[in-house]
PDB file of N, CA and C in Angstrom:
ATOM      1  N   MET A   1     -11.967 -15.382 -34.020  1.00  0.00           N
ATOM      2  CA  MET A   1     -10.610 -15.782 -33.681  1.00  0.00           C
ATOM      3  C   MET A   1     -10.581 -16.332 -32.258  1.00  0.00           C
ATOM      4  N   ILE A   2     -10.005 -17.501 -32.081  1.00  0.00           N
ATOM      5  CA  ILE A   2      -9.916 -18.135 -30.768  1.00  0.00           C
ATOM      6  C   ILE A   2      -8.580 -17.778 -30.137  1.00  0.00           C
ATOM      7  N   GLU A   3      -8.654 -17.269 -28.922  1.00  0.00           N
ATOM      8  CA  GLU A   3      -7.445 -16.918 -28.182  1.00  0.00           C
ATOM      9  C   GLU A   3      -6.944 -18.133 -27.409  1.00  0.00           C
ATOM     10  N   GLU A   4      -5.648 -18.347 -27.419  1.00  0.00           N
ATOM     11  CA  GLU A   4      -5.053 -19.423 -26.630  1.00  0.00           C
ATOM     12  C   GLU A   4      -4.929 -18.949 -25.186  1.00  0.00           C
ATOM     13  N   PRO A   5      -5.239 -19.807 -24.229  1.00  0.00           N
ATOM     14  CA  PRO A   5      -5.101 -19.399 -22.828  1.00  0.00           C
ATOM     15  C   PRO A   5      -3.632 -19.264 -22.443  1.00  0.00           C
ATOM     16  N   LEU A   6      -3.371 -18.353 -21.543  1.00  0.00           N
ATOM     17  CA  LEU A   6      -2.037 -18.181 -20.983  1.00  0.00           C
ATOM     18  C   LEU A   6      -1.976 -19.018 -19.711  1.00  0.00           C
ATOM     19  N   ASP A   7      -0.968 -19.858 -19.596  1.00  0.00           N
ATOM     20  CA  ASP A   7      -0.820 -20.709 -18.419  1.00  0.00           C
ATOM     21  C   ASP A   7      -0.256 -19.918 -17.243  1.00  0.00           C
ATOM     22  N   LEU A   8      -0.780 -20.179 -16.064  1.00  0.00           N
ATOM     23  CA  LEU A   8      -0.269 -19.550 -14.855  1.00  0.00           C
ATOM     24  C   LEU A   8       1.210 -19.878 -14.677  1.00  0.00           C
ATOM     25  N   SER A   9       1.600 -21.088 -15.018  1.00  0.00           N
ATOM     26  CA  SER A   9       3.014 -21.472 -14.896  1.00  0.00           C
ATOM     27  C   SER A   9       3.897 -20.574 -15.760  1.00  0.00           C
ATOM     28  N   ALA A  10       3.434 -20.182 -16.934  1.00  0.00           N
ATOM     29  CA  ALA A  10       4.210 -19.296 -17.809  1.00  0.00           C
ATOM     30  C   ALA A  10       4.371 -17.919 -17.175  1.00  0.00           C
ATOM     31  N   ILE A  11       3.320 -17.428 -16.532  1.00  0.00           N
ATOM     32  CA  ILE A  11       3.403 -16.128 -15.858  1.00  0.00           C
ATOM     33  C   ILE A  11       4.419 -16.188 -14.733  1.00  0.00           C
ATOM     34  N   ILE A  12       4.377 -17.265 -13.958  1.00  0.00           N
ATOM     35  CA  ILE A  12       5.318 -17.416 -12.846  1.00  0.00           C
ATOM     36  C   ILE A  12       6.751 -17.497 -13.366  1.00  0.00           C
ATOM     37  N   ILE A  13       6.980 -18.231 -14.433  1.00  0.00           N
ATOM     38  CA  ILE A  13       8.321 -18.358 -15.008  1.00  0.00           C
ATOM     39  C   ILE A  13       8.806 -17.020 -15.567  1.00  0.00           C
ATOM     40  N   GLN A  14       7.917 -16.269 -16.198  1.00  0.00           N
ATOM     41  CA  GLN A  14       8.277 -14.977 -16.793  1.00  0.00           C
ATOM     42  C   GLN A  14       8.528 -13.893 -15.751  1.00  0.00           C
ATOM     43  N   ASN A  15       8.136 -14.135 -14.510  1.00  0.00           N
ATOM     44  CA  ASN A  15       8.283 -13.141 -13.442  1.00  0.00           C
ATOM     45  C   ASN A  15       8.995 -13.750 -12.234  1.00  0.00           C
ATOM     46  N   PRO A  16      10.285 -14.067 -12.377  1.00  0.00           N
ATOM     47  CA  PRO A  16      11.000 -14.751 -11.297  1.00  0.00           C
ATOM     48  C   PRO A  16      11.182 -13.902 -10.034  1.00  0.00           C
ATOM     49  N   GLY A  17      10.991 -12.599 -10.142  1.00  0.00           N
ATOM     50  CA  GLY A  17      11.158 -11.729  -8.985  1.00  0.00           C
ATOM     51  C   GLY A  17       9.952 -11.699  -8.068  1.00  0.00           C
ATOM     52  N   VAL A  18       8.874 -12.340  -8.464  1.00  0.00           N
ATOM     53  CA  VAL A  18       7.671 -12.393  -7.638  1.00  0.00           C
ATOM     54  C   VAL A  18       7.909 -13.385  -6.507  1.00  0.00           C
ATOM     55  N   ASN A  19       7.727 -12.911  -5.268  1.00  0.00           N
ATOM     56  CA  ASN A  19       8.038 -13.738  -4.109  1.00  0.00           C
ATOM     57  C   ASN A  19       6.857 -13.996  -3.188  1.00  0.00           C
ATOM     58  N   SER A  20       5.676 -13.500  -3.558  1.00  0.00           N
ATOM     59  CA  SER A  20       4.514 -13.721  -2.697  1.00  0.00           C
ATOM     60  C   SER A  20       3.254 -13.827  -3.543  1.00  0.00           C
ATOM     61  N   PHE A  21       2.228 -14.375  -2.942  1.00  0.00           N
ATOM     62  CA  PHE A  21       0.954 -14.520  -3.628  1.00  0.00           C
ATOM     63  C   PHE A  21       0.365 -13.159  -3.970  1.00  0.00           C
ATOM     64  N   ASN A  22       0.484 -12.201  -3.070  1.00  0.00           N
ATOM     65  CA  ASN A  22      -0.049 -10.867  -3.344  1.00  0.00           C
ATOM     66  C   ASN A  22       0.663 -10.201  -4.518  1.00  0.00           C
ATOM     67  N   GLU A  23       1.955 -10.412  -4.639  1.00  0.00           N
ATOM     68  CA  GLU A  23       2.682  -9.894  -5.798  1.00  0.00           C
ATOM     69  C   GLU A  23       2.188 -10.567  -7.070  1.00  0.00           C
ATOM     70  N   LEU A  24       1.927 -11.862  -7.007  1.00  0.00           N
ATOM     71  CA  LEU A  24       1.413 -12.594  -8.163  1.00  0.00           C
ATOM     72  C   LEU A  24       0.048 -12.059  -8.569  1.00  0.00           C
ATOM     73  N   LYS A  25      -0.819 -11.770  -7.590  1.00  0.00           N
ATOM     74  CA  LYS A  25      -2.131 -11.209  -7.906  1.00  0.00           C
ATOM     75  C   LYS A  25      -1.989  -9.891  -8.663  1.00  0.00           C
ATOM     76  N   ALA A  26      -1.047  -9.055  -8.269  1.00  0.00           N
ATOM     77  CA  ALA A  26      -0.818  -7.784  -8.962  1.00  0.00           C
ATOM     78  C   ALA A  26      -0.361  -8.020 -10.401  1.00  0.00           C
ATOM     79  N   ILE A  27       0.499  -9.016 -10.605  1.00  0.00           N
ATOM     80  CA  ILE A  27       0.969  -9.349 -11.953  1.00  0.00           C
ATOM     81  C   ILE A  27      -0.197  -9.864 -12.798  1.00  0.00           C
ATOM     82  N   ILE A  28      -1.033 -10.711 -12.222  1.00  0.00           N
ATOM     83  CA  ILE A  28      -2.207 -11.237 -12.930  1.00  0.00           C
ATOM     84  C   ILE A  28      -3.110 -10.086 -13.340  1.00  0.00           C
ATOM     85  N   ASN A  29      -3.272  -9.135 -12.457  1.00  0.00           N
ATOM     86  CA  ASN A  29      -4.090  -7.963 -12.738  1.00  0.00           C
ATOM     87  C   ASN A  29      -3.520  -7.190 -13.923  1.00  0.00           C
ATOM     88  N   ASP A  30      -2.209  -7.067 -13.994  1.00  0.00           N
ATOM     89  CA  ASP A  30      -1.556  -6.381 -15.118  1.00  0.00           C
ATOM     90  C   ASP A  30      -1.779  -7.135 -16.428  1.00  0.00           C
ATOM     91  N   TYR A  31      -1.671  -8.446 -16.390  1.00  0.00           N
ATOM     92  CA  TYR A  31      -1.911  -9.244 -17.599  1.00  0.00           C
ATOM     93  C   TYR A  31      -3.341  -9.064 -18.087  1.00  0.00           C
ATOM     94  N   ALA A  32      -4.293  -8.979 -17.162  1.00  0.00           N
ATOM     95  CA  ALA A  32      -5.693  -8.811 -17.533  1.00  0.00           C
ATOM     96  C   ALA A  32      -5.933  -7.482 -18.231  1.00  0.00           C
ATOM     97  N   ALA A  33      -5.150  -6.480 -17.896  1.00  0.00           N
ATOM     98  CA  ALA A  33      -5.302  -5.168 -18.525  1.00  0.00           C
ATOM     99  C   ALA A  33      -4.732  -5.170 -19.941  1.00  0.00           C
ATOM    100  N   GLY A  34      -3.934  -6.167 -20.271  1.00  0.00           N
ATOM    101  CA  GLY A  34      -3.335  -6.268 -21.601  1.00  0.00           C
ATOM    102  C   GLY A  34      -4.224  -7.053 -22.542  1.00  0.00           C
ATOM    103  N   GLU A  35      -3.613  -7.854 -23.373  1.00  0.00           N
ATOM    104  CA  GLU A  35      -4.352  -8.577 -24.408  1.00  0.00           C
ATOM    105  C   GLU A  35      -4.700 -10.018 -24.028  1.00  0.00           C
ATOM    106  N   VAL A  36      -4.369 -10.450 -22.828  1.00  0.00           N
ATOM    107  CA  VAL A  36      -4.666 -11.812 -22.411  1.00  0.00           C
ATOM    108  C   VAL A  36      -6.163 -11.938 -22.155  1.00  0.00           C
ATOM    109  N   VAL A  37      -6.790 -12.903 -22.788  1.00  0.00           N
ATOM    110  CA  VAL A  37      -8.234 -13.102 -22.664  1.00  0.00           C
ATOM    111  C   VAL A  37      -8.565 -14.283 -21.760  1.00  0.00           C
ATOM    112  N   LEU A  38      -7.740 -15.325 -21.815  1.00  0.00           N
ATOM    113  CA  LEU A  38      -7.993 -16.541 -21.046  1.00  0.00           C
ATOM    114  C   LEU A  38      -6.779 -16.890 -20.192  1.00  0.00           C
ATOM    115  N   LEU A  39      -7.044 -17.345 -18.980  1.00  0.00           N
ATOM    116  CA  LEU A  39      -5.978 -17.743 -18.077  1.00  0.00           C
ATOM    117  C   LEU A  39      -6.233 -19.174 -17.637  1.00  0.00           C
ATOM    118  N   ASN A  40      -5.218 -20.024 -17.760  1.00  0.00           N
ATOM    119  CA  ASN A  40      -5.316 -21.431 -17.389  1.00  0.00           C
ATOM    120  C   ASN A  40      -4.553 -21.648 -16.079  1.00  0.00           C
ATOM    121  N   PHE A  41      -5.276 -22.110 -15.057  1.00  0.00           N
ATOM    122  CA  PHE A  41      -4.656 -22.376 -13.762  1.00  0.00           C
ATOM    123  C   PHE A  41      -4.054 -23.781 -13.775  1.00  0.00           C
ATOM    124  N   ASP A  42      -2.900 -23.911 -14.407  1.00  0.00           N
ATOM    125  CA  ASP A  42      -2.279 -25.228 -14.584  1.00  0.00           C
ATOM    126  C   ASP A  42      -1.413 -25.666 -13.412  1.00  0.00           C
ATOM    127  N   VAL A  43      -1.071 -24.752 -12.521  1.00  0.00           N
ATOM    128  CA  VAL A  43      -0.279 -25.084 -11.338  1.00  0.00           C
ATOM    129  C   VAL A  43      -0.789 -24.284 -10.147  1.00  0.00           C
ATOM    130  N   LYS A  44      -0.519 -24.786  -8.954  1.00  0.00           N
ATOM    131  CA  LYS A  44      -0.806 -24.032  -7.738  1.00  0.00           C
ATOM    132  C   LYS A  44       0.439 -23.207  -7.425  1.00  0.00           C
ATOM    133  N   PRO A  45       0.290 -21.897  -7.199  1.00  0.00           N
ATOM    134  CA  PRO A  45       1.457 -21.075  -6.860  1.00  0.00           C
ATOM    135  C   PRO A  45       2.110 -21.591  -5.574  1.00  0.00           C
ATOM    136  N   ASP A  46       3.419 -21.676  -5.589  1.00  0.00           N
ATOM    137  CA  ASP A  46       4.165 -22.239  -4.459  1.00  0.00           C
ATOM    138  C   ASP A  46       4.799 -21.119  -3.629  1.00  0.00           C
ATOM    139  N   TYR A  47       3.942 -20.277  -3.045  1.00  0.00           N
ATOM    140  CA  TYR A  47       4.413 -19.214  -2.165  1.00  0.00           C
ATOM    141  C   TYR A  47       3.934 -19.527  -0.760  1.00  0.00           C
ATOM    142  N   ARG A  48       4.666 -19.055   0.222  1.00  0.00           N
ATOM    143  CA  ARG A  48       4.306 -19.339   1.619  1.00  0.00           C
ATOM    144  C   ARG A  48       2.925 -18.803   1.964  1.00  0.00           C
ATOM    145  N   ASP A  49       2.519 -17.699   1.317  1.00  0.00           N
ATOM    146  CA  ASP A  49       1.249 -17.066   1.668  1.00  0.00           C
ATOM    147  C   ASP A  49       0.100 -17.428   0.721  1.00  0.00           C
ATOM    148  N   THR A  50       0.267 -18.470  -0.096  1.00  0.00           N
ATOM    149  CA  THR A  50      -0.809 -18.878  -1.005  1.00  0.00           C
ATOM    150  C   THR A  50      -1.983 -19.414  -0.186  1.00  0.00           C
ATOM    151  N   PRO A  51      -3.154 -18.780  -0.305  1.00  0.00           N
ATOM    152  CA  PRO A  51      -4.308 -19.218   0.474  1.00  0.00           C
ATOM    153  C   PRO A  51      -4.977 -20.448  -0.139  1.00  0.00           C
ATOM    154  N   LYS A  52      -5.866 -21.063   0.630  1.00  0.00           N
ATOM    155  CA  LYS A  52      -6.581 -22.235   0.140  1.00  0.00           C
ATOM    156  C   LYS A  52      -7.464 -21.894  -1.064  1.00  0.00           C
ATOM    157  N   ASN A  53      -8.017 -20.695  -1.084  1.00  0.00           N
ATOM    158  CA  ASN A  53      -8.897 -20.284  -2.184  1.00  0.00           C
ATOM    159  C   ASN A  53      -8.128 -19.502  -3.258  1.00  0.00           C
ATOM    160  N   TRP A  54      -6.908 -19.914  -3.532  1.00  0.00           N
ATOM    161  CA  TRP A  54      -6.026 -19.191  -4.443  1.00  0.00           C
ATOM    162  C   TRP A  54      -6.620 -19.037  -5.836  1.00  0.00           C
ATOM    163  N   GLN A  55      -7.333 -20.041  -6.330  1.00  0.00           N
ATOM    164  CA  GLN A  55      -7.901 -19.949  -7.678  1.00  0.00           C
ATOM    165  C   GLN A  55      -8.945 -18.845  -7.754  1.00  0.00           C
ATOM    166  N   TRP A  56      -9.796 -18.760  -6.748  1.00  0.00           N
ATOM    167  CA  TRP A  56     -10.828 -17.719  -6.732  1.00  0.00           C
ATOM    168  C   TRP A  56     -10.190 -16.338  -6.674  1.00  0.00           C
ATOM    169  N   GLN A  57      -9.158 -16.202  -5.869  1.00  0.00           N
ATOM    170  CA  GLN A  57      -8.507 -14.895  -5.744  1.00  0.00           C
ATOM    171  C   GLN A  57      -7.821 -14.477  -7.046  1.00  0.00           C
ATOM    172  N   LEU A  58      -7.146 -15.423  -7.703  1.00  0.00           N
ATOM    173  CA  LEU A  58      -6.487 -15.085  -8.967  1.00  0.00           C
ATOM    174  C   LEU A  58      -7.516 -14.807 -10.057  1.00  0.00           C
ATOM    175  N   GLU A  59      -8.603 -15.559 -10.059  1.00  0.00           N
ATOM    176  CA  GLU A  59      -9.657 -15.295 -11.034  1.00  0.00           C
ATOM    177  C   GLU A  59     -10.242 -13.896 -10.821  1.00  0.00           C
ATOM    178  N   GLY A  60     -10.431 -13.525  -9.570  1.00  0.00           N
ATOM    179  CA  GLY A  60     -10.923 -12.189  -9.267  1.00  0.00           C
ATOM    180  C   GLY A  60      -9.962 -11.105  -9.733  1.00  0.00           C
ATOM    181  N   ALA A  61      -8.670 -11.319  -9.509  1.00  0.00           N
ATOM    182  CA  ALA A  61      -7.667 -10.349  -9.963  1.00  0.00           C
ATOM    183  C   ALA A  61      -7.653 -10.256 -11.476  1.00  0.00           C
ATOM    184  N   PHE A  62      -7.880 -11.374 -12.148  1.00  0.00           N
ATOM    185  CA  PHE A  62      -7.869 -11.400 -13.605  1.00  0.00           C
ATOM    186  C   PHE A  62      -9.117 -10.721 -14.178  1.00  0.00           C
ATOM    187  N   MET A  63     -10.240 -10.863 -13.495  1.00  0.00           N
ATOM    188  CA  MET A  63     -11.500 -10.292 -13.999  1.00  0.00           C
ATOM    189  C   MET A  63     -11.625  -8.810 -13.690  1.00  0.00           C
ATOM    190  N   ARG A  64     -10.818  -8.285 -12.770  1.00  0.00           N
ATOM    191  CA  ARG A  64     -10.873  -6.869 -12.416  1.00  0.00           C
ATOM    192  C   ARG A  64      -9.559  -6.191 -12.775  1.00  0.00           C
ATOM    193  N   PRO A  65      -9.378  -5.855 -14.044  1.00  0.00           N
ATOM    194  CA  PRO A  65      -8.131  -5.178 -14.414  1.00  0.00           C
ATOM    195  C   PRO A  65      -8.035  -3.809 -13.745  1.00  0.00           C
ATOM    196  N   PRO A  66      -6.821  -3.285 -13.602  1.00  0.00           N
ATOM    197  CA  PRO A  66      -6.659  -1.980 -12.961  1.00  0.00           C
ATOM    198  C   PRO A  66      -7.380  -0.884 -13.726  1.00  0.00           C
ATOM    199  N   SER A  67      -7.848   0.103 -12.991  1.00  0.00           N
ATOM    200  CA  SER A  67      -8.572   1.204 -13.646  1.00  0.00           C
ATOM    201  C   SER A  67      -7.657   2.334 -14.038  1.00  0.00           C
TER     202      SER A  67
END
């Protein structure tokens, strides 16, 4: 069975209360602990604290679900 990737834009839209990149990383981490298998980085997060290496950081948060 092939899993459809979840778009980062969909996560951002579904979580309008997220106001920082660090909050987004925590949400990504929560999604990784669920049933989401693939994440598509279709947009750059538009937060004041979004770092230049935002994709690497979000990928890391996605690959390390909470224990």
